[in-house]
Amino acid sequence: MSEEGKKVKKKKMGRRGQTILVFSVLMAVVFMQTTLLFAVSMLPTAVSSLVDRTGRGTLVITVGAMNLAGCSPFMFNLWLKGHTLELALDTIADPKALAVIYASAAMGYLLNWGVSGVVESIMTRQGQMRLKEIKRRKKELVDVWGEEVTGEVRLDMYGFAVKDGQSE
């Protein structure tokens, strides 16, 4: 394979992506106070996206939802009391506000951990029950059809069991 074939092609951002990026940057500047509070408040969600090794994104969704729920009252407070930079900075500097916001994100981590454990135990139990059912059904089949159905008996070219010492 040539050197050019080995290179990973970079995905270019299309016009639509560029438009969304420009619009997002403009909105972030216009609503700087909300953006600032949101960026500081949602740090646990950003961290969860880095540490989620499953690749399914369940940790990010759980932590993000709880984190957003924790920062929502402070966002509403910012919007209802004037939407000033001073109020946004005061909220960020308030230890009680940060404790509420980050504790809600921590609840997201705990919720994800707890639910994962419950789901794991339920699925393990279901798997054990299914395995027990498969073994029971296999025994029934062997009783009806003989050991040949297990796949552990040597068969001749016609599909009949070969007894020890017998040639194929």
N, C-alpha and C. Protein backbone atom coordinates (compact mmCIF):
# COMPACT_ATOMS: atom_id res chain seq x y z
N MET A 1 0.84 -1.17 0.00
CA MET A 1 0.00 0.00 0.00
C MET A 1 0.89 1.23 0.00
N SER A 2 0.56 2.23 -0.79
CA SER A 2 1.38 3.43 -0.90
C SER A 2 1.23 4.30 0.34
N GLU A 3 2.15 5.25 0.47
CA GLU A 3 2.12 6.18 1.60
C GLU A 3 0.83 6.99 1.60
N GLU A 4 0.37 7.37 0.42
CA GLU A 4 -0.86 8.16 0.34
C GLU A 4 -2.05 7.36 0.82
N GLY A 5 -2.07 6.07 0.55
CA GLY A 5 -3.18 5.22 0.96
C GLY A 5 -3.22 5.02 2.47
N LYS A 6 -2.04 5.11 3.12
CA LYS A 6 -1.96 4.92 4.56
C LYS A 6 -2.40 6.15 5.35
N LYS A 7 -2.33 7.31 4.73
CA LYS A 7 -2.69 8.54 5.43
C LYS A 7 -4.18 8.55 5.75
N VAL A 8 -4.46 9.05 6.92
CA VAL A 8 -5.86 9.17 7.32
C VAL A 8 -6.37 10.49 6.77
N LYS A 9 -7.47 10.39 6.06
CA LYS A 9 -8.04 11.60 5.49
C LYS A 9 -8.74 12.40 6.56
N LYS A 10 -8.47 13.70 6.59
CA LYS A 10 -9.14 14.57 7.53
C LYS A 10 -10.51 14.91 6.98
N LYS A 11 -11.48 14.88 7.86
CA LYS A 11 -12.83 15.20 7.44
C LYS A 11 -12.97 16.72 7.47
N LYS A 12 -13.33 17.27 6.32
CA LYS A 12 -13.49 18.72 6.23
C LYS A 12 -14.88 19.10 6.69
N MET A 13 -14.95 20.29 7.29
CA MET A 13 -16.23 20.81 7.73
C MET A 13 -16.91 21.45 6.53
N GLY A 14 -18.13 21.05 6.28
CA GLY A 14 -18.88 21.59 5.16
C GLY A 14 -19.41 22.97 5.47
N ARG A 15 -20.08 23.55 4.50
CA ARG A 15 -20.64 24.89 4.66
C ARG A 15 -21.65 24.92 5.81
N ARG A 16 -22.43 23.88 5.93
CA ARG A 16 -23.42 23.82 7.00
C ARG A 16 -22.73 23.82 8.37
N GLY A 17 -21.68 23.02 8.50
CA GLY A 17 -20.92 22.97 9.75
C GLY A 17 -20.27 24.30 10.09
N GLN A 18 -19.75 24.95 9.07
CA GLN A 18 -19.13 26.28 9.28
C GLN A 18 -20.18 27.29 9.72
N THR A 19 -21.36 27.23 9.12
CA THR A 19 -22.43 28.16 9.49
C THR A 19 -22.85 27.94 10.94
N ILE A 20 -22.98 26.69 11.33
CA ILE A 20 -23.36 26.37 12.71
C ILE A 20 -22.28 26.84 13.68
N LEU A 21 -21.01 26.64 13.32
CA LEU A 21 -19.90 27.07 14.17
C LEU A 21 -19.91 28.58 14.35
N VAL A 22 -20.05 29.33 13.26
CA VAL A 22 -20.07 30.79 13.33
C VAL A 22 -21.26 31.25 14.16
N PHE A 23 -22.42 30.67 13.94
CA PHE A 23 -23.62 31.02 14.70
C PHE A 23 -23.42 30.74 16.19
N SER A 24 -22.83 29.60 16.51
CA SER A 24 -22.59 29.23 17.90
C SER A 24 -21.63 30.20 18.59
N VAL A 25 -20.58 30.56 17.89
CA VAL A 25 -19.62 31.52 18.46
C VAL A 25 -20.29 32.87 18.69
N LEU A 26 -21.09 33.32 17.72
CA LEU A 26 -21.80 34.59 17.88
C LEU A 26 -22.75 34.55 19.08
N MET A 27 -23.49 33.45 19.22
CA MET A 27 -24.42 33.32 20.34
C MET A 27 -23.67 33.26 21.67
N ALA A 28 -22.53 32.61 21.68
CA ALA A 28 -21.72 32.53 22.90
C ALA A 28 -21.23 33.92 23.31
N VAL A 29 -20.90 34.75 22.34
CA VAL A 29 -20.44 36.12 22.64
C VAL A 29 -21.62 36.98 23.09
N VAL A 30 -22.74 36.89 22.38
CA VAL A 30 -23.92 37.70 22.72
C VAL A 30 -24.42 37.32 24.12
N PHE A 31 -24.45 36.04 24.41
CA PHE A 31 -24.93 35.57 25.71
C PHE A 31 -23.74 35.12 26.57
N MET A 32 -22.74 35.97 26.66
CA MET A 32 -21.49 35.63 27.33
C MET A 32 -21.70 35.22 28.79
N GLN A 33 -22.62 35.87 29.47
CA GLN A 33 -22.85 35.57 30.87
C GLN A 33 -23.36 34.13 31.03
N THR A 34 -24.33 33.78 30.22
CA THR A 34 -24.87 32.42 30.27
C THR A 34 -23.80 31.41 29.85
N THR A 35 -23.06 31.75 28.81
CA THR A 35 -22.00 30.85 28.33
C THR A 35 -20.96 30.60 29.41
N LEU A 36 -20.57 31.66 30.11
CA LEU A 36 -19.57 31.54 31.17
C LEU A 36 -20.08 30.64 32.29
N LEU A 37 -21.29 30.91 32.77
CA LEU A 37 -21.87 30.11 33.84
C LEU A 37 -22.06 28.66 33.39
N PHE A 38 -22.54 28.47 32.17
CA PHE A 38 -22.76 27.14 31.63
C PHE A 38 -21.45 26.37 31.51
N ALA A 39 -20.40 27.03 31.01
CA ALA A 39 -19.10 26.37 30.82
C ALA A 39 -18.52 25.89 32.15
N VAL A 40 -18.59 26.73 33.17
CA VAL A 40 -18.06 26.35 34.48
C VAL A 40 -18.93 25.28 35.12
N SER A 41 -20.24 25.43 34.99
CA SER A 41 -21.17 24.48 35.62
C SER A 41 -21.09 23.09 35.01
N MET A 42 -20.89 23.00 33.73
CA MET A 42 -20.95 21.71 33.04
C MET A 42 -19.59 21.01 32.93
N LEU A 43 -18.60 21.45 33.69
CA LEU A 43 -17.29 20.79 33.67
C LEU A 43 -17.36 19.30 34.02
N PRO A 44 -18.17 18.89 35.02
CA PRO A 44 -18.24 17.44 35.29
C PRO A 44 -18.73 16.62 34.10
N THR A 45 -19.60 17.19 33.30
CA THR A 45 -20.08 16.49 32.11
C THR A 45 -18.95 16.32 31.10
N ALA A 46 -18.15 17.37 30.94
CA ALA A 46 -17.00 17.28 30.03
C ALA A 46 -16.02 16.22 30.51
N VAL A 47 -15.79 16.16 31.81
CA VAL A 47 -14.89 15.15 32.37
C VAL A 47 -15.46 13.75 32.15
N SER A 48 -16.77 13.61 32.33
CA SER A 48 -17.38 12.28 32.14
C SER A 48 -17.24 11.81 30.70
N SER A 49 -17.24 12.74 29.75
CA SER A 49 -17.06 12.32 28.35
C SER A 49 -15.64 11.83 28.10
N LEU A 50 -14.69 12.31 28.90
CA LEU A 50 -13.30 11.85 28.75
C LEU A 50 -13.05 10.51 29.44
N VAL A 51 -13.75 10.25 30.54
CA VAL A 51 -13.48 9.04 31.30
C VAL A 51 -14.41 7.88 30.97
N ASP A 52 -15.44 8.09 30.18
CA ASP A 52 -16.38 7.02 29.82
C ASP A 52 -15.70 6.07 28.85
N ARG A 53 -15.36 4.88 29.34
CA ARG A 53 -14.63 3.90 28.52
C ARG A 53 -15.55 2.95 27.76
N THR A 54 -16.84 3.01 28.07
CA THR A 54 -17.75 2.05 27.44
C THR A 54 -18.02 2.38 25.99
N GLY A 55 -17.96 3.64 25.64
CA GLY A 55 -18.24 4.04 24.26
C GLY A 55 -19.72 4.17 23.96
N ARG A 56 -20.56 3.84 24.92
CA ARG A 56 -22.00 3.94 24.70
C ARG A 56 -22.53 5.32 25.06
N GLY A 57 -21.82 6.06 25.88
CA GLY A 57 -22.23 7.40 26.24
C GLY A 57 -23.26 7.47 27.35
N THR A 58 -23.53 6.36 28.03
CA THR A 58 -24.52 6.39 29.09
C THR A 58 -24.07 7.24 30.27
N LEU A 59 -22.78 7.21 30.57
CA LEU A 59 -22.26 8.01 31.68
C LEU A 59 -22.42 9.49 31.37
N VAL A 60 -22.09 9.88 30.15
CA VAL A 60 -22.19 11.29 29.76
C VAL A 60 -23.64 11.76 29.82
N ILE A 61 -24.56 10.94 29.36
CA ILE A 61 -25.97 11.32 29.38
C ILE A 61 -26.48 11.46 30.81
N THR A 62 -26.14 10.50 31.66
CA THR A 62 -26.62 10.54 33.04
C THR A 62 -26.03 11.71 33.81
N VAL A 63 -24.71 11.86 33.73
CA VAL A 63 -24.06 12.96 34.43
C VAL A 63 -24.51 14.29 33.85
N GLY A 64 -24.60 14.36 32.52
CA GLY A 64 -25.01 15.61 31.88
C GLY A 64 -26.41 16.03 32.26
N ALA A 65 -27.34 15.08 32.32
CA ALA A 65 -28.72 15.41 32.69
C ALA A 65 -28.79 15.90 34.13
N MET A 66 -28.13 15.20 35.04
CA MET A 66 -28.14 15.62 36.44
C MET A 66 -27.39 16.94 36.62
N ASN A 67 -26.30 17.12 35.91
CA ASN A 67 -25.52 18.35 35.97
C ASN A 67 -26.35 19.54 35.47
N LEU A 68 -27.05 19.34 34.37
CA LEU A 68 -27.91 20.39 33.82
C LEU A 68 -29.05 20.72 34.79
N ALA A 69 -29.60 19.69 35.41
CA ALA A 69 -30.66 19.92 36.40
C ALA A 69 -30.13 20.74 37.58
N GLY A 70 -28.90 20.48 37.96
CA GLY A 70 -28.31 21.22 39.08
C GLY A 70 -27.97 22.66 38.74
N CYS A 71 -27.62 22.93 37.50
CA CYS A 71 -27.25 24.30 37.13
C CYS A 71 -28.45 25.12 36.64
N SER A 72 -29.55 24.47 36.34
CA SER A 72 -30.74 25.19 35.83
C SER A 72 -31.25 26.29 36.75
N PRO A 73 -31.41 26.06 38.05
CA PRO A 73 -31.91 27.15 38.89
C PRO A 73 -31.02 28.39 38.86
N PHE A 74 -29.74 28.18 38.75
CA PHE A 74 -28.81 29.31 38.73
C PHE A 74 -28.84 30.02 37.38
N MET A 75 -29.09 29.26 36.31
CA MET A 75 -29.28 29.87 34.99
C MET A 75 -30.53 30.73 34.98
N PHE A 76 -31.64 30.18 35.52
CA PHE A 76 -32.88 30.94 35.57
C PHE A 76 -32.72 32.19 36.42
N ASN A 77 -32.01 32.05 37.52
CA ASN A 77 -31.74 33.20 38.38
C ASN A 77 -30.97 34.28 37.60
N LEU A 78 -29.99 33.86 36.83
CA LEU A 78 -29.20 34.79 36.02
C LEU A 78 -30.10 35.49 35.00
N TRP A 79 -30.95 34.74 34.35
CA TRP A 79 -31.80 35.32 33.32
C TRP A 79 -32.86 36.25 33.91
N LEU A 80 -33.40 35.90 35.06
CA LEU A 80 -34.48 36.68 35.65
C LEU A 80 -34.01 37.93 36.40
N LYS A 81 -32.74 37.95 36.81
CA LYS A 81 -32.24 39.07 37.60
C LYS A 81 -31.30 39.98 36.81
N GLY A 82 -31.47 40.04 35.51
CA GLY A 82 -30.74 41.03 34.74
C GLY A 82 -29.71 40.53 33.77
N HIS A 83 -29.31 39.29 33.86
CA HIS A 83 -28.34 38.72 32.91
C HIS A 83 -27.07 39.57 32.81
N THR A 84 -26.47 39.85 33.96
CA THR A 84 -25.26 40.66 33.98
C THR A 84 -24.04 39.78 34.20
N LEU A 85 -22.90 40.28 33.77
CA LEU A 85 -21.64 39.55 33.95
C LEU A 85 -21.31 39.45 35.44
N GLU A 86 -21.63 40.51 36.18
CA GLU A 86 -21.35 40.51 37.63
C GLU A 86 -22.13 39.39 38.33
N LEU A 87 -23.40 39.21 37.98
CA LEU A 87 -24.21 38.15 38.58
C LEU A 87 -23.69 36.77 38.19
N ALA A 88 -23.27 36.62 36.96
CA ALA A 88 -22.70 35.34 36.51
C ALA A 88 -21.43 35.01 37.29
N LEU A 89 -20.56 36.00 37.45
CA LEU A 89 -19.31 35.79 38.21
C LEU A 89 -19.60 35.53 39.68
N ASP A 90 -20.60 36.24 40.25
CA ASP A 90 -20.98 36.00 41.64
C ASP A 90 -21.48 34.57 41.84
N THR A 91 -22.26 34.08 40.88
CA THR A 91 -22.78 32.72 40.96
C THR A 91 -21.64 31.71 40.89
N ILE A 92 -20.70 31.95 40.00
CA ILE A 92 -19.55 31.04 39.86
C ILE A 92 -18.69 31.06 41.12
N ALA A 93 -18.58 32.23 41.76
CA ALA A 93 -17.75 32.37 42.95
C ALA A 93 -18.46 31.89 44.22
N ASP A 94 -19.77 31.65 44.15
CA ASP A 94 -20.54 31.23 45.32
C ASP A 94 -20.30 29.74 45.59
N PRO A 95 -19.68 29.42 46.73
CA PRO A 95 -19.41 28.00 47.02
C PRO A 95 -20.68 27.16 47.14
N LYS A 96 -21.76 27.75 47.65
CA LYS A 96 -23.01 26.98 47.78
C LYS A 96 -23.57 26.62 46.40
N ALA A 97 -23.51 27.57 45.47
CA ALA A 97 -24.01 27.31 44.12
C ALA A 97 -23.19 26.21 43.45
N LEU A 98 -21.87 26.32 43.56
CA LEU A 98 -21.01 25.29 42.95
C LEU A 98 -21.21 23.94 43.63
N ALA A 99 -21.44 23.95 44.95
CA ALA A 99 -21.68 22.70 45.66
C ALA A 99 -22.95 22.02 45.14
N VAL A 100 -24.01 22.82 44.95
CA VAL A 100 -25.26 22.25 44.42
C VAL A 100 -25.06 21.71 43.01
N ILE A 101 -24.40 22.51 42.16
CA ILE A 101 -24.20 22.11 40.77
C ILE A 101 -23.35 20.85 40.66
N TYR A 102 -22.22 20.83 41.37
CA TYR A 102 -21.32 19.69 41.28
C TYR A 102 -21.86 18.47 42.03
N ALA A 103 -22.62 18.70 43.10
CA ALA A 103 -23.23 17.57 43.82
C ALA A 103 -24.28 16.89 42.94
N SER A 104 -24.99 17.68 42.15
CA SER A 104 -25.97 17.07 41.25
C SER A 104 -25.26 16.23 40.19
N ALA A 105 -24.11 16.69 39.72
CA ALA A 105 -23.32 15.89 38.77
C ALA A 105 -22.82 14.61 39.44
N ALA A 106 -22.42 14.73 40.72
CA ALA A 106 -21.98 13.55 41.46
C ALA A 106 -23.12 12.54 41.60
N MET A 107 -24.34 13.06 41.78
CA MET A 107 -25.51 12.17 41.84
C MET A 107 -25.67 11.43 40.50
N GLY A 108 -25.34 12.10 39.41
CA GLY A 108 -25.38 11.44 38.11
C GLY A 108 -24.40 10.29 38.03
N TYR A 109 -23.19 10.50 38.56
CA TYR A 109 -22.20 9.43 38.60
C TYR A 109 -22.72 8.26 39.45
N LEU A 110 -23.27 8.59 40.63
CA LEU A 110 -23.80 7.53 41.51
C LEU A 110 -24.97 6.80 40.88
N LEU A 111 -25.84 7.54 40.24
CA LEU A 111 -26.99 6.94 39.58
C LEU A 111 -26.54 5.97 38.48
N ASN A 112 -25.57 6.40 37.68
CA ASN A 112 -25.04 5.55 36.61
C ASN A 112 -24.40 4.29 37.20
N TRP A 113 -23.63 4.46 38.26
CA TRP A 113 -22.96 3.33 38.90
C TRP A 113 -23.98 2.36 39.48
N GLY A 114 -24.98 2.88 40.19
CA GLY A 114 -25.98 2.03 40.82
C GLY A 114 -26.84 1.29 39.82
N VAL A 115 -27.31 2.00 38.81
CA VAL A 115 -28.17 1.36 37.81
C VAL A 115 -27.37 0.32 37.02
N SER A 116 -26.12 0.62 36.73
CA SER A 116 -25.28 -0.36 36.01
C SER A 116 -25.15 -1.64 36.81
N GLY A 117 -24.97 -1.53 38.12
CA GLY A 117 -24.86 -2.71 38.97
C GLY A 117 -26.15 -3.52 38.99
N VAL A 118 -27.28 -2.84 39.09
CA VAL A 118 -28.57 -3.53 39.11
C VAL A 118 -28.81 -4.23 37.78
N VAL A 119 -28.57 -3.53 36.68
CA VAL A 119 -28.77 -4.11 35.36
C VAL A 119 -27.85 -5.31 35.16
N GLU A 120 -26.60 -5.19 35.62
CA GLU A 120 -25.66 -6.30 35.50
C GLU A 120 -26.15 -7.53 36.25
N SER A 121 -26.64 -7.33 37.46
CA SER A 121 -27.10 -8.49 38.23
C SER A 121 -28.34 -9.12 37.60
N ILE A 122 -29.25 -8.30 37.08
CA ILE A 122 -30.44 -8.83 36.41
C ILE A 122 -30.06 -9.62 35.16
N MET A 123 -29.16 -9.07 34.37
CA MET A 123 -28.75 -9.76 33.13
C MET A 123 -27.98 -11.03 33.44
N THR A 124 -27.17 -11.02 34.48
CA THR A 124 -26.44 -12.23 34.88
C THR A 124 -27.42 -13.32 35.29
N ARG A 125 -28.41 -12.94 36.07
CA ARG A 125 -29.43 -13.91 36.52
C ARG A 125 -30.20 -14.46 35.32
N GLN A 126 -30.58 -13.59 34.39
CA GLN A 126 -31.30 -14.05 33.20
C GLN A 126 -30.43 -15.00 32.38
N GLY A 127 -29.16 -14.70 32.27
CA GLY A 127 -28.25 -15.57 31.53
C GLY A 127 -28.11 -16.93 32.17
N GLN A 128 -28.04 -16.94 33.51
CA GLN A 128 -27.95 -18.22 34.23
C GLN A 128 -29.22 -19.04 34.04
N MET A 129 -30.36 -18.39 34.08
CA MET A 129 -31.63 -19.10 33.88
C MET A 129 -31.71 -19.64 32.46
N ARG A 130 -31.27 -18.87 31.49
CA ARG A 130 -31.29 -19.31 30.09
C ARG A 130 -30.37 -20.50 29.89
N LEU A 131 -29.18 -20.46 30.50
CA LEU A 131 -28.24 -21.57 30.40
C LEU A 131 -28.83 -22.83 31.01
N LYS A 132 -29.51 -22.69 32.15
CA LYS A 132 -30.16 -23.84 32.79
C LYS A 132 -31.22 -24.43 31.86
N GLU A 133 -32.00 -23.58 31.20
CA GLU A 133 -33.04 -24.02 30.27
C GLU A 133 -32.42 -24.73 29.06
N ILE A 134 -31.31 -24.20 28.55
CA ILE A 134 -30.63 -24.82 27.40
C ILE A 134 -30.13 -26.21 27.78
N LYS A 135 -29.55 -26.35 28.97
CA LYS A 135 -29.05 -27.66 29.41
C LYS A 135 -30.20 -28.65 29.58
N ARG A 136 -31.33 -28.18 30.12
CA ARG A 136 -32.49 -29.05 30.28
C ARG A 136 -33.00 -29.52 28.92
N ARG A 137 -33.07 -28.58 27.97
CA ARG A 137 -33.56 -28.92 26.62
C ARG A 137 -32.58 -29.87 25.91
N LYS A 138 -31.28 -29.67 26.13
CA LYS A 138 -30.28 -30.56 25.52
C LYS A 138 -30.45 -31.97 26.07
N LYS A 139 -30.69 -32.10 27.38
CA LYS A 139 -30.89 -33.43 27.96
C LYS A 139 -32.12 -34.10 27.35
N GLU A 140 -33.20 -33.33 27.15
CA GLU A 140 -34.39 -33.89 26.52
C GLU A 140 -34.09 -34.39 25.11
N LEU A 141 -33.35 -33.61 24.35
CA LEU A 141 -33.01 -34.00 22.98
C LEU A 141 -32.14 -35.25 22.96
N VAL A 142 -31.18 -35.33 23.88
CA VAL A 142 -30.32 -36.51 23.94
C VAL A 142 -31.15 -37.74 24.32
N ASP A 143 -32.10 -37.57 25.25
CA ASP A 143 -32.96 -38.69 25.64
C ASP A 143 -33.79 -39.19 24.45
N VAL A 144 -34.27 -38.28 23.61
CA VAL A 144 -35.11 -38.66 22.48
C VAL A 144 -34.28 -39.17 21.31
N TRP A 145 -33.21 -38.47 20.96
CA TRP A 145 -32.47 -38.76 19.73
C TRP A 145 -31.14 -39.48 19.94
N GLY A 146 -30.67 -39.56 21.16
CA GLY A 146 -29.41 -40.25 21.43
C GLY A 146 -28.23 -39.27 21.46
N GLU A 147 -27.08 -39.81 21.82
CA GLU A 147 -25.87 -39.00 21.98
C GLU A 147 -25.39 -38.36 20.67
N GLU A 148 -25.87 -38.84 19.53
CA GLU A 148 -25.40 -38.33 18.25
C GLU A 148 -25.73 -36.84 18.08
N VAL A 149 -26.79 -36.36 18.71
CA VAL A 149 -27.20 -34.97 18.52
C VAL A 149 -26.32 -33.98 19.28
N THR A 150 -25.44 -34.48 20.15
CA THR A 150 -24.60 -33.56 20.94
C THR A 150 -23.46 -33.00 20.12
N GLY A 151 -23.10 -33.68 19.04
CA GLY A 151 -21.97 -33.23 18.24
C GLY A 151 -20.64 -33.71 18.79
N GLU A 152 -20.70 -34.50 19.84
CA GLU A 152 -19.49 -34.99 20.47
C GLU A 152 -19.16 -36.43 20.06
N VAL A 153 -20.02 -37.04 19.26
CA VAL A 153 -19.83 -38.42 18.81
C VAL A 153 -19.33 -38.38 17.37
N ARG A 154 -18.29 -39.20 17.08
CA ARG A 154 -17.80 -39.27 15.69
C ARG A 154 -18.85 -39.92 14.81
N LEU A 155 -19.03 -39.33 13.61
CA LEU A 155 -20.01 -39.86 12.67
C LEU A 155 -19.31 -40.33 11.40
N ASP A 156 -19.90 -41.33 10.75
CA ASP A 156 -19.35 -41.76 9.47
C ASP A 156 -19.87 -40.83 8.38
N MET A 157 -19.51 -41.13 7.12
CA MET A 157 -19.88 -40.23 6.03
C MET A 157 -21.38 -40.20 5.77
N TYR A 158 -22.13 -41.15 6.33
CA TYR A 158 -23.58 -41.17 6.17
C TYR A 158 -24.31 -40.54 7.36
N GLY A 159 -23.54 -40.13 8.36
CA GLY A 159 -24.13 -39.48 9.53
C GLY A 159 -24.48 -40.41 10.66
N PHE A 160 -23.96 -41.65 10.61
CA PHE A 160 -24.23 -42.59 11.68
C PHE A 160 -23.07 -42.61 12.64
N ALA A 161 -23.35 -42.89 13.92
CA ALA A 161 -22.31 -42.92 14.95
C ALA A 161 -21.32 -44.02 14.67
N VAL A 162 -20.04 -43.73 14.88
CA VAL A 162 -18.96 -44.69 14.72
C VAL A 162 -18.56 -45.15 16.10
N LYS A 163 -18.66 -46.43 16.34
CA LYS A 163 -18.26 -46.99 17.65
C LYS A 163 -16.76 -47.12 17.69
N ASP A 164 -16.20 -47.11 18.87
CA ASP A 164 -14.76 -47.24 19.01
C ASP A 164 -14.28 -48.56 18.42
N GLY A 165 -13.19 -48.47 17.66
CA GLY A 165 -12.64 -49.68 17.03
C GLY A 165 -13.28 -49.97 15.68
N GLN A 166 -14.28 -49.21 15.32
CA GLN A 166 -14.98 -49.41 14.04
C GLN A 166 -14.36 -48.45 13.02
N SER A 167 -14.16 -48.87 11.80
CA SER A 167 -13.61 -47.96 10.80
C SER A 167 -14.73 -47.16 10.16
N GLU A 168 -14.34 -46.00 9.65
CA GLU A 168 -15.33 -45.12 9.04
C GLU A 168 -15.65 -45.61 7.70
